[in-house]
N, C-alpha and C. Protein backbone atom coordinates (compact mmCIF):
# COMPACT_ATOMS: atom_id res chain seq x y z
N MET A 1 -40.30 -29.98 24.98
CA MET A 1 -40.15 -28.66 25.55
C MET A 1 -39.02 -27.95 24.82
N THR A 2 -39.29 -26.75 24.41
CA THR A 2 -38.30 -25.98 23.68
C THR A 2 -37.20 -25.45 24.60
N ARG A 3 -36.02 -25.36 24.05
CA ARG A 3 -34.88 -24.83 24.81
C ARG A 3 -34.49 -23.46 24.27
N SER A 4 -35.49 -22.66 23.93
CA SER A 4 -35.23 -21.30 23.45
C SER A 4 -35.18 -20.35 24.64
N ARG A 5 -34.17 -19.51 24.63
CA ARG A 5 -34.00 -18.53 25.70
C ARG A 5 -35.19 -17.59 25.74
N LEU A 6 -35.69 -17.32 26.94
CA LEU A 6 -36.81 -16.41 27.12
C LEU A 6 -36.30 -14.97 27.21
N ASP A 7 -37.12 -14.04 26.70
CA ASP A 7 -36.76 -12.63 26.85
C ASP A 7 -37.14 -12.17 28.27
N GLN A 8 -36.70 -10.97 28.64
CA GLN A 8 -36.89 -10.49 30.01
C GLN A 8 -38.36 -10.41 30.40
N LYS A 9 -39.21 -9.99 29.50
CA LYS A 9 -40.64 -9.89 29.80
C LYS A 9 -41.24 -11.27 30.08
N ALA A 10 -40.87 -12.26 29.28
CA ALA A 10 -41.37 -13.62 29.48
C ALA A 10 -40.84 -14.20 30.80
N ILE A 11 -39.59 -13.90 31.13
CA ILE A 11 -39.01 -14.38 32.39
C ILE A 11 -39.75 -13.77 33.57
N GLU A 12 -40.00 -12.47 33.54
CA GLU A 12 -40.70 -11.79 34.64
C GLU A 12 -42.11 -12.34 34.81
N SER A 13 -42.80 -12.60 33.71
CA SER A 13 -44.14 -13.15 33.76
C SER A 13 -44.14 -14.56 34.34
N ALA A 14 -43.24 -15.40 33.85
CA ALA A 14 -43.15 -16.78 34.33
C ALA A 14 -42.71 -16.83 35.79
N LEU A 15 -41.83 -15.92 36.19
CA LEU A 15 -41.37 -15.86 37.58
C LEU A 15 -42.53 -15.48 38.51
N ALA A 16 -43.34 -14.52 38.10
CA ALA A 16 -44.50 -14.11 38.90
C ALA A 16 -45.48 -15.28 39.04
N GLU A 17 -45.68 -16.01 37.97
CA GLU A 17 -46.59 -17.17 38.01
C GLU A 17 -46.03 -18.26 38.92
N LEU A 18 -44.74 -18.55 38.80
CA LEU A 18 -44.10 -19.55 39.64
C LEU A 18 -44.20 -19.18 41.11
N ASN A 19 -43.94 -17.92 41.43
CA ASN A 19 -43.92 -17.49 42.83
C ASN A 19 -45.31 -17.30 43.43
N ALA A 20 -46.33 -17.29 42.60
CA ALA A 20 -47.70 -17.11 43.10
C ALA A 20 -48.10 -18.22 44.06
N THR A 21 -47.55 -19.41 43.88
CA THR A 21 -47.91 -20.54 44.74
C THR A 21 -46.73 -21.07 45.56
N ALA A 22 -45.59 -20.43 45.45
CA ALA A 22 -44.39 -20.91 46.14
C ALA A 22 -44.42 -20.53 47.62
N ALA A 23 -43.94 -21.43 48.47
CA ALA A 23 -43.84 -21.15 49.89
C ALA A 23 -42.83 -20.03 50.14
N SER A 24 -41.75 -20.05 49.39
CA SER A 24 -40.76 -18.97 49.40
C SER A 24 -40.39 -18.71 47.95
N PRO A 25 -40.10 -17.48 47.61
CA PRO A 25 -39.96 -17.13 46.20
C PRO A 25 -38.61 -17.52 45.57
N TRP A 26 -38.68 -17.78 44.27
CA TRP A 26 -37.50 -17.87 43.44
C TRP A 26 -37.13 -16.43 43.08
N SER A 27 -35.86 -16.21 42.79
CA SER A 27 -35.41 -14.89 42.35
C SER A 27 -34.48 -15.08 41.15
N LEU A 28 -34.00 -13.96 40.63
CA LEU A 28 -33.04 -13.99 39.54
C LEU A 28 -31.68 -13.57 40.09
N ALA A 29 -30.66 -14.36 39.76
CA ALA A 29 -29.30 -14.03 40.17
C ALA A 29 -28.35 -14.54 39.10
N ASP A 30 -27.53 -13.65 38.58
CA ASP A 30 -26.56 -14.02 37.53
C ASP A 30 -27.23 -14.69 36.33
N ASP A 31 -28.38 -14.16 35.91
CA ASP A 31 -29.13 -14.67 34.76
C ASP A 31 -29.57 -16.12 34.94
N LYS A 32 -29.91 -16.47 36.18
CA LYS A 32 -30.41 -17.81 36.50
C LYS A 32 -31.54 -17.68 37.51
N LEU A 33 -32.43 -18.68 37.52
CA LEU A 33 -33.39 -18.78 38.60
C LEU A 33 -32.63 -19.25 39.83
N TYR A 34 -32.95 -18.70 40.98
CA TYR A 34 -32.18 -18.96 42.19
C TYR A 34 -33.11 -19.11 43.38
N LYS A 35 -32.79 -20.13 44.21
CA LYS A 35 -33.58 -20.31 45.44
C LYS A 35 -32.76 -21.08 46.46
N VAL A 36 -32.98 -20.72 47.74
CA VAL A 36 -32.35 -21.41 48.86
C VAL A 36 -33.43 -22.21 49.58
N PHE A 37 -33.15 -23.48 49.83
CA PHE A 37 -34.06 -24.36 50.55
C PHE A 37 -33.41 -24.72 51.88
N GLN A 38 -34.17 -24.64 52.95
CA GLN A 38 -33.67 -24.95 54.28
C GLN A 38 -34.44 -26.15 54.83
N PHE A 39 -33.71 -27.12 55.38
CA PHE A 39 -34.32 -28.32 55.92
C PHE A 39 -33.93 -28.48 57.38
N LYS A 40 -34.50 -29.47 58.05
CA LYS A 40 -34.20 -29.62 59.48
C LYS A 40 -32.84 -30.24 59.73
N ASP A 41 -32.33 -31.03 58.76
CA ASP A 41 -31.02 -31.65 58.94
C ASP A 41 -30.47 -32.11 57.59
N PHE A 42 -29.28 -32.67 57.62
CA PHE A 42 -28.60 -33.11 56.41
C PHE A 42 -29.36 -34.23 55.69
N ILE A 43 -29.89 -35.16 56.44
CA ILE A 43 -30.62 -36.29 55.82
C ILE A 43 -31.82 -35.79 55.04
N GLU A 44 -32.57 -34.86 55.60
CA GLU A 44 -33.73 -34.30 54.90
C GLU A 44 -33.28 -33.55 53.64
N ALA A 45 -32.22 -32.77 53.75
CA ALA A 45 -31.70 -32.03 52.59
C ALA A 45 -31.22 -32.99 51.50
N PHE A 46 -30.50 -34.01 51.89
CA PHE A 46 -29.97 -34.97 50.92
C PHE A 46 -31.09 -35.77 50.27
N GLY A 47 -32.11 -36.12 51.04
CA GLY A 47 -33.27 -36.81 50.47
C GLY A 47 -33.96 -35.95 49.42
N PHE A 48 -34.10 -34.66 49.71
CA PHE A 48 -34.68 -33.72 48.76
C PHE A 48 -33.84 -33.67 47.48
N MET A 49 -32.53 -33.58 47.63
CA MET A 49 -31.65 -33.54 46.47
C MET A 49 -31.76 -34.82 45.64
N THR A 50 -31.92 -35.95 46.30
CA THR A 50 -32.07 -37.22 45.58
C THR A 50 -33.36 -37.22 44.76
N ARG A 51 -34.45 -36.73 45.34
CA ARG A 51 -35.71 -36.67 44.60
C ARG A 51 -35.60 -35.71 43.41
N VAL A 52 -34.96 -34.57 43.63
CA VAL A 52 -34.76 -33.61 42.54
C VAL A 52 -33.90 -34.23 41.44
N ALA A 53 -32.86 -34.94 41.83
CA ALA A 53 -31.96 -35.56 40.85
C ALA A 53 -32.71 -36.53 39.95
N MET A 54 -33.61 -37.32 40.52
CA MET A 54 -34.34 -38.29 39.70
C MET A 54 -35.25 -37.59 38.69
N VAL A 55 -35.92 -36.53 39.12
CA VAL A 55 -36.79 -35.78 38.20
C VAL A 55 -35.94 -35.08 37.14
N ALA A 56 -34.86 -34.44 37.57
CA ALA A 56 -33.99 -33.73 36.63
C ALA A 56 -33.46 -34.68 35.56
N GLU A 57 -33.08 -35.87 35.96
CA GLU A 57 -32.56 -36.84 35.01
C GLU A 57 -33.62 -37.24 33.98
N THR A 58 -34.85 -37.45 34.41
CA THR A 58 -35.91 -37.81 33.46
C THR A 58 -36.20 -36.66 32.50
N MET A 59 -35.99 -35.42 32.96
CA MET A 59 -36.21 -34.25 32.12
C MET A 59 -35.00 -33.95 31.22
N GLY A 60 -33.86 -34.57 31.52
CA GLY A 60 -32.64 -34.26 30.78
C GLY A 60 -32.19 -32.83 31.03
N HIS A 61 -32.45 -32.35 32.24
CA HIS A 61 -32.15 -30.96 32.59
C HIS A 61 -31.71 -30.94 34.04
N HIS A 62 -30.51 -30.47 34.30
CA HIS A 62 -29.91 -30.64 35.61
C HIS A 62 -29.58 -29.30 36.27
N PRO A 63 -29.85 -29.20 37.57
CA PRO A 63 -29.59 -27.95 38.29
C PRO A 63 -28.12 -27.77 38.63
N GLU A 64 -27.76 -26.53 38.86
CA GLU A 64 -26.50 -26.21 39.55
C GLU A 64 -26.92 -26.11 41.00
N TRP A 65 -26.20 -26.78 41.88
CA TRP A 65 -26.60 -26.72 43.27
C TRP A 65 -25.44 -26.91 44.22
N CYS A 66 -25.71 -26.54 45.46
CA CYS A 66 -24.73 -26.65 46.52
C CYS A 66 -25.47 -27.07 47.79
N ASN A 67 -24.88 -27.96 48.53
CA ASN A 67 -25.48 -28.42 49.79
C ASN A 67 -24.46 -28.28 50.91
N VAL A 68 -24.87 -27.60 51.96
CA VAL A 68 -24.08 -27.55 53.19
C VAL A 68 -25.06 -27.85 54.32
N TYR A 69 -24.83 -28.97 54.96
CA TYR A 69 -25.66 -29.48 56.04
C TYR A 69 -27.15 -29.49 55.66
N ALA A 70 -27.94 -28.59 56.21
CA ALA A 70 -29.39 -28.61 55.99
C ALA A 70 -29.84 -27.59 54.94
N ARG A 71 -28.92 -27.03 54.22
CA ARG A 71 -29.22 -25.97 53.25
C ARG A 71 -28.87 -26.44 51.84
N VAL A 72 -29.79 -26.21 50.90
CA VAL A 72 -29.56 -26.53 49.50
C VAL A 72 -29.81 -25.26 48.69
N VAL A 73 -28.84 -24.88 47.89
CA VAL A 73 -28.96 -23.71 47.02
C VAL A 73 -29.05 -24.23 45.58
N ILE A 74 -30.08 -23.79 44.86
CA ILE A 74 -30.28 -24.24 43.48
C ILE A 74 -30.31 -23.05 42.54
N SER A 75 -29.59 -23.19 41.42
CA SER A 75 -29.63 -22.23 40.32
C SER A 75 -30.02 -22.99 39.05
N LEU A 76 -30.90 -22.38 38.26
CA LEU A 76 -31.37 -23.02 37.04
C LEU A 76 -31.18 -22.11 35.84
N ALA A 77 -30.57 -22.64 34.81
CA ALA A 77 -30.45 -21.98 33.51
C ALA A 77 -30.20 -23.08 32.49
N THR A 78 -30.53 -22.81 31.25
CA THR A 78 -30.30 -23.78 30.19
C THR A 78 -29.05 -23.36 29.46
N HIS A 79 -27.97 -24.04 29.75
CA HIS A 79 -26.66 -23.62 29.25
C HIS A 79 -26.58 -23.60 27.73
N ASP A 80 -27.16 -24.60 27.07
CA ASP A 80 -27.06 -24.63 25.61
C ASP A 80 -27.93 -23.56 24.95
N ALA A 81 -28.84 -22.94 25.71
CA ALA A 81 -29.65 -21.83 25.19
C ALA A 81 -29.07 -20.48 25.61
N GLY A 82 -28.10 -20.51 26.51
CA GLY A 82 -27.48 -19.27 26.95
C GLY A 82 -28.31 -18.45 27.92
N GLY A 83 -29.22 -19.09 28.64
CA GLY A 83 -30.03 -18.35 29.61
C GLY A 83 -31.20 -19.16 30.11
N ILE A 84 -32.19 -18.48 30.61
CA ILE A 84 -33.37 -19.11 31.19
C ILE A 84 -34.37 -19.46 30.09
N THR A 85 -34.90 -20.69 30.17
CA THR A 85 -35.91 -21.17 29.22
C THR A 85 -37.14 -21.65 29.99
N ALA A 86 -38.16 -22.01 29.25
CA ALA A 86 -39.37 -22.57 29.86
C ALA A 86 -39.03 -23.85 30.63
N LEU A 87 -38.04 -24.59 30.19
CA LEU A 87 -37.62 -25.81 30.86
C LEU A 87 -37.15 -25.52 32.29
N ASP A 88 -36.49 -24.40 32.50
CA ASP A 88 -36.06 -24.03 33.84
C ASP A 88 -37.25 -23.78 34.76
N PHE A 89 -38.26 -23.12 34.23
CA PHE A 89 -39.46 -22.87 35.03
C PHE A 89 -40.21 -24.16 35.32
N MET A 90 -40.22 -25.08 34.36
CA MET A 90 -40.87 -26.37 34.58
C MET A 90 -40.16 -27.14 35.70
N LEU A 91 -38.83 -27.17 35.65
CA LEU A 91 -38.09 -27.86 36.69
C LEU A 91 -38.27 -27.15 38.04
N ALA A 92 -38.24 -25.84 38.06
CA ALA A 92 -38.45 -25.09 39.31
C ALA A 92 -39.80 -25.43 39.93
N SER A 93 -40.82 -25.51 39.12
CA SER A 93 -42.15 -25.85 39.61
C SER A 93 -42.17 -27.25 40.21
N ARG A 94 -41.52 -28.17 39.55
CA ARG A 94 -41.46 -29.55 40.06
C ARG A 94 -40.65 -29.62 41.35
N ILE A 95 -39.59 -28.82 41.43
CA ILE A 95 -38.79 -28.77 42.66
C ILE A 95 -39.63 -28.22 43.81
N ASP A 96 -40.40 -27.18 43.56
CA ASP A 96 -41.25 -26.62 44.60
C ASP A 96 -42.26 -27.66 45.09
N ALA A 97 -42.81 -28.44 44.18
CA ALA A 97 -43.77 -29.48 44.58
C ALA A 97 -43.10 -30.52 45.48
N MET A 98 -41.84 -30.85 45.20
CA MET A 98 -41.12 -31.80 46.05
C MET A 98 -40.79 -31.20 47.40
N ASP A 99 -40.52 -29.91 47.45
CA ASP A 99 -40.23 -29.23 48.70
C ASP A 99 -41.46 -29.24 49.60
N LYS A 100 -42.64 -29.07 49.02
CA LYS A 100 -43.87 -29.07 49.79
C LYS A 100 -44.18 -30.45 50.35
N ALA A 101 -43.66 -31.50 49.68
CA ALA A 101 -43.93 -32.87 50.09
C ALA A 101 -43.06 -33.31 51.26
N VAL A 102 -42.05 -32.50 51.62
CA VAL A 102 -41.13 -32.89 52.71
C VAL A 102 -41.83 -32.80 54.05
């Protein structure tokens, strides 16, 4: 997977495609993909983060995230490319699939 930064048109197109099947949409914030996930409790949120961590590690691509109790906030960007790449959309899609599995 290439780590080339996407232009704005490619980002908007990929974001529309990603959100077409998402239970709740991803958005753009500070030149990153951004989404808030809400769970029933801390254990469910932490379990989700553990599953995401394992996938992210196999991809060699790691999210910026924050967890407070049952809430997980995720931001995705490819730092060495200086912005959003196709890899970010791939990880976002995999994260959404894990969220649906909860």
